[in-house]
Amino acid sequence: MKVTANKIDLKDLLSKDPKVKYGCAKNLLSLAKDNPAELYPKFDYFVELLDSENKILRWIAIDIIGSLSKVDKRCYQKES
């Protein structure tokens, strides 16, 4: 089954159940790597995770943001 942003509930990343939380993280990491443009609209959510007390969630956010940077047009706009 192909993972898509529509099939991932970001609330699962905050689940108390480790299987749910890290299963969601695995799917998000895969999607960010394979199709970052699909996940890019959620960029700000992952930036917010950088303030999480959970180190693993911060690491996941860093990895995902790195993948999403491939499609971030704001970084590449030149000033006139």
PDB file of N, CA and C in Angstrom:
ATOM      1  N   MET A   1       0.843  -1.178   0.000  1.00  0.00           N
ATOM      2  CA  MET A   1       0.000   0.000   0.000  1.00  0.00           C
ATOM      3  C   MET A   1       0.888   1.241   0.000  1.00  0.00           C
ATOM      4  N   LYS A   2       0.616   2.149  -0.886  1.00  0.00           N
ATOM      5  CA  LYS A   2       1.366   3.387  -0.980  1.00  0.00           C
ATOM      6  C   LYS A   2       0.881   4.359   0.095  1.00  0.00           C
ATOM      7  N   VAL A   3       1.822   4.966   0.790  1.00  0.00           N
ATOM      8  CA  VAL A   3       1.499   5.928   1.835  1.00  0.00           C
ATOM      9  C   VAL A   3       1.258   7.291   1.212  1.00  0.00           C
ATOM     10  N   THR A   4       0.135   7.919   1.576  1.00  0.00           N
ATOM     11  CA  THR A   4      -0.163   9.270   1.108  1.00  0.00           C
ATOM     12  C   THR A   4      -0.497  10.136   2.310  1.00  0.00           C
ATOM     13  N   ALA A   5      -0.358  11.439   2.146  1.00  0.00           N
ATOM     14  CA  ALA A   5      -0.643  12.372   3.234  1.00  0.00           C
ATOM     15  C   ALA A   5      -2.090  12.251   3.700  1.00  0.00           C
ATOM     16  N   ASN A   6      -2.996  11.930   2.795  1.00  0.00           N
ATOM     17  CA  ASN A   6      -4.409  11.801   3.158  1.00  0.00           C
ATOM     18  C   ASN A   6      -4.665  10.608   4.066  1.00  0.00           C
ATOM     19  N   LYS A   7      -3.792   9.620   4.029  1.00  0.00           N
ATOM     20  CA  LYS A   7      -3.982   8.414   4.838  1.00  0.00           C
ATOM     21  C   LYS A   7      -3.273   8.497   6.187  1.00  0.00           C
ATOM     22  N   ILE A   8      -2.542   9.583   6.435  1.00  0.00           N
ATOM     23  CA  ILE A   8      -1.799   9.741   7.676  1.00  0.00           C
ATOM     24  C   ILE A   8      -2.486  10.780   8.550  1.00  0.00           C
ATOM     25  N   ASP A   9      -2.771  10.402   9.788  1.00  0.00           N
ATOM     26  CA  ASP A   9      -3.350  11.326  10.759  1.00  0.00           C
ATOM     27  C   ASP A   9      -2.207  11.842  11.635  1.00  0.00           C
ATOM     28  N   LEU A  10      -1.877  13.111  11.515  1.00  0.00           N
ATOM     29  CA  LEU A  10      -0.759  13.677  12.265  1.00  0.00           C
ATOM     30  C   LEU A  10      -0.958  13.583  13.772  1.00  0.00           C
ATOM     31  N   LYS A  11      -2.196  13.461  14.222  1.00  0.00           N
ATOM     32  CA  LYS A  11      -2.462  13.286  15.653  1.00  0.00           C
ATOM     33  C   LYS A  11      -1.856  11.985  16.160  1.00  0.00           C
ATOM     34  N   ASP A  12      -1.712  11.000  15.286  1.00  0.00           N
ATOM     35  CA  ASP A  12      -1.118   9.723  15.680  1.00  0.00           C
ATOM     36  C   ASP A  12       0.337   9.883  16.114  1.00  0.00           C
ATOM     37  N   LEU A  13       0.994  10.921  15.650  1.00  0.00           N
ATOM     38  CA  LEU A  13       2.377  11.179  16.022  1.00  0.00           C
ATOM     39  C   LEU A  13       2.487  11.553  17.505  1.00  0.00           C
ATOM     40  N   LEU A  14       1.390  11.989  18.091  1.00  0.00           N
ATOM     41  CA  LEU A  14       1.362  12.369  19.505  1.00  0.00           C
ATOM     42  C   LEU A  14       0.684  11.320  20.377  1.00  0.00           C
ATOM     43  N   SER A  15       0.395  10.169  19.808  1.00  0.00           N
ATOM     44  CA  SER A  15      -0.283   9.084  20.524  1.00  0.00           C
ATOM     45  C   SER A  15       0.561   8.588  21.701  1.00  0.00           C
ATOM     46  N   LYS A  16      -0.113   8.141  22.738  1.00  0.00           N
ATOM     47  CA  LYS A  16       0.572   7.539  23.885  1.00  0.00           C
ATOM     48  C   LYS A  16       1.008   6.110  23.574  1.00  0.00           C
ATOM     49  N   ASP A  17       0.394   5.502  22.569  1.00  0.00           N
ATOM     50  CA  ASP A  17       0.733   4.137  22.162  1.00  0.00           C
ATOM     51  C   ASP A  17       1.961   4.181  21.253  1.00  0.00           C
ATOM     52  N   PRO A  18       3.088   3.633  21.698  1.00  0.00           N
ATOM     53  CA  PRO A  18       4.313   3.690  20.891  1.00  0.00           C
ATOM     54  C   PRO A  18       4.164   3.074  19.501  1.00  0.00           C
ATOM     55  N   LYS A  19       3.371   2.026  19.369  1.00  0.00           N
ATOM     56  CA  LYS A  19       3.182   1.401  18.055  1.00  0.00           C
ATOM     57  C   LYS A  19       2.509   2.363  17.090  1.00  0.00           C
ATOM     58  N   VAL A  20       1.528   3.090  17.579  1.00  0.00           N
ATOM     59  CA  VAL A  20       0.818   4.062  16.746  1.00  0.00           C
ATOM     60  C   VAL A  20       1.753   5.228  16.420  1.00  0.00           C
ATOM     61  N   LYS A  21       2.410   5.765  17.459  1.00  0.00           N
ATOM     62  CA  LYS A  21       3.281   6.930  17.297  1.00  0.00           C
ATOM     63  C   LYS A  21       4.411   6.657  16.311  1.00  0.00           C
ATOM     64  N   TYR A  22       5.135   5.576  16.510  1.00  0.00           N
ATOM     65  CA  TYR A  22       6.303   5.321  15.679  1.00  0.00           C
ATOM     66  C   TYR A  22       5.945   4.696  14.332  1.00  0.00           C
ATOM     67  N   GLY A  23       4.772   4.078  14.254  1.00  0.00           N
ATOM     68  CA  GLY A  23       4.263   3.643  12.952  1.00  0.00           C
ATOM     69  C   GLY A  23       3.947   4.845  12.080  1.00  0.00           C
ATOM     70  N   CYS A  24       3.332   5.842  12.694  1.00  0.00           N
ATOM     71  CA  CYS A  24       3.031   7.092  11.985  1.00  0.00           C
ATOM     72  C   CYS A  24       4.327   7.777  11.567  1.00  0.00           C
ATOM     73  N   ALA A  25       5.287   7.824  12.469  1.00  0.00           N
ATOM     74  CA  ALA A  25       6.579   8.458  12.160  1.00  0.00           C
ATOM     75  C   ALA A  25       7.258   7.770  10.981  1.00  0.00           C
ATOM     76  N   LYS A  26       7.219   6.454  10.971  1.00  0.00           N
ATOM     77  CA  LYS A  26       7.832   5.696   9.873  1.00  0.00           C
ATOM     78  C   LYS A  26       7.167   6.045   8.541  1.00  0.00           C
ATOM     79  N   ASN A  27       5.839   6.124   8.545  1.00  0.00           N
ATOM     80  CA  ASN A  27       5.110   6.475   7.316  1.00  0.00           C
ATOM     81  C   ASN A  27       5.421   7.902   6.873  1.00  0.00           C
ATOM     82  N   LEU A  28       5.502   8.820   7.822  1.00  0.00           N
ATOM     83  CA  LEU A  28       5.813  10.207   7.479  1.00  0.00           C
ATOM     84  C   LEU A  28       7.220  10.340   6.906  1.00  0.00           C
ATOM     85  N   LEU A  29       8.177   9.656   7.510  1.00  0.00           N
ATOM     86  CA  LEU A  29       9.554   9.697   7.007  1.00  0.00           C
ATOM     87  C   LEU A  29       9.633   9.140   5.592  1.00  0.00           C
ATOM     88  N   SER A  30       8.917   8.060   5.352  1.00  0.00           N
ATOM     89  CA  SER A  30       8.900   7.447   4.024  1.00  0.00           C
ATOM     90  C   SER A  30       8.283   8.399   2.993  1.00  0.00           C
ATOM     91  N   LEU A  31       7.164   8.993   3.356  1.00  0.00           N
ATOM     92  CA  LEU A  31       6.487   9.916   2.453  1.00  0.00           C
ATOM     93  C   LEU A  31       7.349  11.149   2.191  1.00  0.00           C
ATOM     94  N   ALA A  32       7.977  11.675   3.230  1.00  0.00           N
ATOM     95  CA  ALA A  32       8.828  12.850   3.062  1.00  0.00           C
ATOM     96  C   ALA A  32       9.993  12.559   2.130  1.00  0.00           C
ATOM     97  N   LYS A  33      10.512  11.353   2.201  1.00  0.00           N
ATOM     98  CA  LYS A  33      11.632  10.976   1.338  1.00  0.00           C
ATOM     99  C   LYS A  33      11.179  10.752  -0.103  1.00  0.00           C
ATOM    100  N   ASP A  34      10.069  10.027  -0.271  1.00  0.00           N
ATOM    101  CA  ASP A  34       9.617   9.629  -1.607  1.00  0.00           C
ATOM    102  C   ASP A  34       8.793  10.691  -2.339  1.00  0.00           C
ATOM    103  N   ASN A  35       8.048  11.491  -1.587  1.00  0.00           N
ATOM    104  CA  ASN A  35       7.164  12.478  -2.210  1.00  0.00           C
ATOM    105  C   ASN A  35       7.029  13.710  -1.305  1.00  0.00           C
ATOM    106  N   PRO A  36       8.110  14.458  -1.138  1.00  0.00           N
ATOM    107  CA  PRO A  36       8.076  15.590  -0.203  1.00  0.00           C
ATOM    108  C   PRO A  36       7.039  16.656  -0.549  1.00  0.00           C
ATOM    109  N   ALA A  37       6.721  16.824  -1.810  1.00  0.00           N
ATOM    110  CA  ALA A  37       5.746  17.844  -2.204  1.00  0.00           C
ATOM    111  C   ALA A  37       4.364  17.558  -1.618  1.00  0.00           C
ATOM    112  N   GLU A  38       4.050  16.292  -1.443  1.00  0.00           N
ATOM    113  CA  GLU A  38       2.742  15.933  -0.903  1.00  0.00           C
ATOM    114  C   GLU A  38       2.634  16.295   0.582  1.00  0.00           C
ATOM    115  N   LEU A  39       3.737  16.234   1.280  1.00  0.00           N
ATOM    116  CA  LEU A  39       3.746  16.508   2.711  1.00  0.00           C
ATOM    117  C   LEU A  39       4.092  17.970   3.017  1.00  0.00           C
ATOM    118  N   TYR A  40       4.609  18.688   2.046  1.00  0.00           N
ATOM    119  CA  TYR A  40       5.072  20.063   2.262  1.00  0.00           C
ATOM    120  C   TYR A  40       4.020  20.995   2.880  1.00  0.00           C
ATOM    121  N   PRO A  41       2.742  20.887   2.539  1.00  0.00           N
ATOM    122  CA  PRO A  41       1.757  21.798   3.155  1.00  0.00           C
ATOM    123  C   PRO A  41       1.714  21.696   4.686  1.00  0.00           C
ATOM    124  N   LYS A  42       2.240  20.642   5.251  1.00  0.00           N
ATOM    125  CA  LYS A  42       2.269  20.454   6.709  1.00  0.00           C
ATOM    126  C   LYS A  42       3.596  20.910   7.310  1.00  0.00           C
ATOM    127  N   PHE A  43       4.409  21.634   6.552  1.00  0.00           N
ATOM    128  CA  PHE A  43       5.749  22.050   6.965  1.00  0.00           C
ATOM    129  C   PHE A  43       5.746  22.693   8.361  1.00  0.00           C
ATOM    130  N   ASP A  44       4.829  23.618   8.595  1.00  0.00           N
ATOM    131  CA  ASP A  44       4.787  24.336   9.872  1.00  0.00           C
ATOM    132  C   ASP A  44       4.545  23.399  11.055  1.00  0.00           C
ATOM    133  N   TYR A  45       3.788  22.340  10.839  1.00  0.00           N
ATOM    134  CA  TYR A  45       3.546  21.365  11.903  1.00  0.00           C
ATOM    135  C   TYR A  45       4.864  20.740  12.357  1.00  0.00           C
ATOM    136  N   PHE A  46       5.715  20.416  11.413  1.00  0.00           N
ATOM    137  CA  PHE A  46       6.985  19.776  11.745  1.00  0.00           C
ATOM    138  C   PHE A  46       7.951  20.765  12.394  1.00  0.00           C
ATOM    139  N   VAL A  47       7.856  22.026  12.015  1.00  0.00           N
ATOM    140  CA  VAL A  47       8.658  23.068  12.671  1.00  0.00           C
ATOM    141  C   VAL A  47       8.246  23.163  14.147  1.00  0.00           C
ATOM    142  N   GLU A  48       6.954  23.090  14.416  1.00  0.00           N
ATOM    143  CA  GLU A  48       6.470  23.130  15.803  1.00  0.00           C
ATOM    144  C   GLU A  48       6.997  21.947  16.611  1.00  0.00           C
ATOM    145  N   LEU A  49       7.155  20.790  15.979  1.00  0.00           N
ATOM    146  CA  LEU A  49       7.670  19.611  16.683  1.00  0.00           C
ATOM    147  C   LEU A  49       9.111  19.795  17.156  1.00  0.00           C
ATOM    148  N   LEU A  50       9.819  20.743  16.592  1.00  0.00           N
ATOM    149  CA  LEU A  50      11.191  20.997  17.027  1.00  0.00           C
ATOM    150  C   LEU A  50      11.244  21.460  18.482  1.00  0.00           C
ATOM    151  N   ASP A  51      10.124  21.928  19.005  1.00  0.00           N
ATOM    152  CA  ASP A  51      10.044  22.358  20.407  1.00  0.00           C
ATOM    153  C   ASP A  51       9.534  21.261  21.330  1.00  0.00           C
ATOM    154  N   SER A  52       9.305  20.080  20.808  1.00  0.00           N
ATOM    155  CA  SER A  52       8.795  18.967  21.605  1.00  0.00           C
ATOM    156  C   SER A  52       9.799  18.553  22.679  1.00  0.00           C
ATOM    157  N   GLU A  53       9.288  18.117  23.806  1.00  0.00           N
ATOM    158  CA  GLU A  53      10.158  17.575  24.852  1.00  0.00           C
ATOM    159  C   GLU A  53      10.649  16.177  24.488  1.00  0.00           C
ATOM    160  N   ASN A  54       9.966  15.534  23.560  1.00  0.00           N
ATOM    161  CA  ASN A  54      10.332  14.188  23.126  1.00  0.00           C
ATOM    162  C   ASN A  54      11.449  14.280  22.086  1.00  0.00           C
ATOM    163  N   LYS A  55      12.629  13.810  22.459  1.00  0.00           N
ATOM    164  CA  LYS A  55      13.789  13.909  21.561  1.00  0.00           C
ATOM    165  C   LYS A  55      13.565  13.175  20.246  1.00  0.00           C
ATOM    166  N   ILE A  56      12.900  12.044  20.301  1.00  0.00           N
ATOM    167  CA  ILE A  56      12.678  11.272  19.079  1.00  0.00           C
ATOM    168  C   ILE A  56      11.779  12.048  18.123  1.00  0.00           C
ATOM    169  N   LEU A  57      10.750  12.696  18.648  1.00  0.00           N
ATOM    170  CA  LEU A  57       9.889  13.511  17.786  1.00  0.00           C
ATOM    171  C   LEU A  57      10.676  14.673  17.178  1.00  0.00           C
ATOM    172  N   ARG A  58      11.591  15.245  17.942  1.00  0.00           N
ATOM    173  CA  ARG A  58      12.431  16.322  17.389  1.00  0.00           C
ATOM    174  C   ARG A  58      13.307  15.788  16.264  1.00  0.00           C
ATOM    175  N   TRP A  59      13.894  14.612  16.452  1.00  0.00           N
ATOM    176  CA  TRP A  59      14.745  14.020  15.408  1.00  0.00           C
ATOM    177  C   TRP A  59      13.930  13.721  14.154  1.00  0.00           C
ATOM    178  N   ILE A  60      12.732  13.195  14.355  1.00  0.00           N
ATOM    179  CA  ILE A  60      11.854  12.899  13.227  1.00  0.00           C
ATOM    180  C   ILE A  60      11.529  14.197  12.478  1.00  0.00           C
ATOM    181  N   ALA A  61      11.206  15.246  13.229  1.00  0.00           N
ATOM    182  CA  ALA A  61      10.894  16.538  12.608  1.00  0.00           C
ATOM    183  C   ALA A  61      12.085  17.051  11.805  1.00  0.00           C
ATOM    184  N   ILE A  62      13.290  16.922  12.348  1.00  0.00           N
ATOM    185  CA  ILE A  62      14.490  17.368  11.644  1.00  0.00           C
ATOM    186  C   ILE A  62      14.654  16.606  10.330  1.00  0.00           C
ATOM    187  N   ASP A  63      14.480  15.295  10.378  1.00  0.00           N
ATOM    188  CA  ASP A  63      14.601  14.479   9.154  1.00  0.00           C
ATOM    189  C   ASP A  63      13.556  14.876   8.116  1.00  0.00           C
ATOM    190  N   ILE A  64      12.327  15.062   8.570  1.00  0.00           N
ATOM    191  CA  ILE A  64      11.249  15.403   7.641  1.00  0.00           C
ATOM    192  C   ILE A  64      11.470  16.790   7.046  1.00  0.00           C
ATOM    193  N   ILE A  65      11.831  17.759   7.868  1.00  0.00           N
ATOM    194  CA  ILE A  65      12.090  19.113   7.364  1.00  0.00           C
ATOM    195  C   ILE A  65      13.220  19.082   6.342  1.00  0.00           C
ATOM    196  N   GLY A  66      14.234  18.280   6.604  1.00  0.00           N
ATOM    197  CA  GLY A  66      15.326  18.142   5.638  1.00  0.00           C
ATOM    198  C   GLY A  66      14.826  17.641   4.300  1.00  0.00           C
ATOM    199  N   SER A  67      13.942  16.660   4.325  1.00  0.00           N
ATOM    200  CA  SER A  67      13.386  16.131   3.077  1.00  0.00           C
ATOM    201  C   SER A  67      12.480  17.145   2.391  1.00  0.00           C
ATOM    202  N   LEU A  68      11.701  17.873   3.178  1.00  0.00           N
ATOM    203  CA  LEU A  68      10.783  18.860   2.606  1.00  0.00           C
ATOM    204  C   LEU A  68      11.520  20.049   2.014  1.00  0.00           C
ATOM    205  N   SER A  69      12.730  20.290   2.469  1.00  0.00           N
ATOM    206  CA  SER A  69      13.494  21.424   1.941  1.00  0.00           C
ATOM    207  C   SER A  69      13.781  21.273   0.449  1.00  0.00           C
ATOM    208  N   LYS A  70      13.716  20.049  -0.054  1.00  0.00           N
ATOM    209  CA  LYS A  70      13.939  19.806  -1.483  1.00  0.00           C
ATOM    210  C   LYS A  70      12.898  20.513  -2.352  1.00  0.00           C
ATOM    211  N   VAL A  71      11.712  20.722  -1.795  1.00  0.00           N
ATOM    212  CA  VAL A  71      10.628  21.321  -2.580  1.00  0.00           C
ATOM    213  C   VAL A  71      10.233  22.698  -2.071  1.00  0.00           C
ATOM    214  N   ASP A  72      10.995  23.249  -1.142  1.00  0.00           N
ATOM    215  CA  ASP A  72      10.693  24.556  -0.569  1.00  0.00           C
ATOM    216  C   ASP A  72      11.159  25.648  -1.508  1.00  0.00           C
ATOM    217  N   LYS A  73      10.224  26.276  -2.187  1.00  0.00           N
ATOM    218  CA  LYS A  73      10.541  27.324  -3.163  1.00  0.00           C
ATOM    219  C   LYS A  73      10.949  28.631  -2.474  1.00  0.00           C
ATOM    220  N   ARG A  74      10.498  28.839  -1.238  1.00  0.00           N
ATOM    221  CA  ARG A  74      10.826  30.075  -0.540  1.00  0.00           C
ATOM    222  C   ARG A  74      12.319  30.211  -0.325  1.00  0.00           C
ATOM    223  N   CYS A  75      13.019  29.115  -0.151  1.00  0.00           N
ATOM    224  CA  CYS A  75      14.459  29.155   0.088  1.00  0.00           C
ATOM    225  C   CYS A  75      15.227  29.579  -1.148  1.00  0.00           C
ATOM    226  N   TYR A  76      14.640  29.376  -2.311  1.00  0.00           N
ATOM    227  CA  TYR A  76      15.361  29.594  -3.553  1.00  0.00           C
ATOM    228  C   TYR A  76      15.000  30.891  -4.260  1.00  0.00           C
ATOM    229  N   GLN A  77      14.091  31.661  -3.697  1.00  0.00           N
ATOM    230  CA  GLN A  77      13.703  32.906  -4.333  1.00  0.00           C
ATOM    231  C   GLN A  77      14.815  33.936  -4.155  1.00  0.00           C
ATOM    232  N   LYS A  78      15.221  34.538  -5.244  1.00  0.00           N
ATOM    233  CA  LYS A  78      16.255  35.562  -5.202  1.00  0.00           C
ATOM    234  C   LYS A  78      15.611  36.923  -5.028  1.00  0.00           C
ATOM    235  N   GLU A  79      16.270  37.747  -4.239  1.00  0.00           N
ATOM    236  CA  GLU A  79      15.773  39.102  -4.061  1.00  0.00           C
ATOM    237  C   GLU A  79      16.147  39.944  -5.271  1.00  0.00           C
ATOM    238  N   SER A  80      15.253  40.830  -5.662  1.00  0.00           N
ATOM    239  CA  SER A  80      15.507  41.691  -6.840  1.00  0.00           C
ATOM    240  C   SER A  80      16.210  42.952  -6.437  1.00  0.00           C
TER     241      SER A  80
END
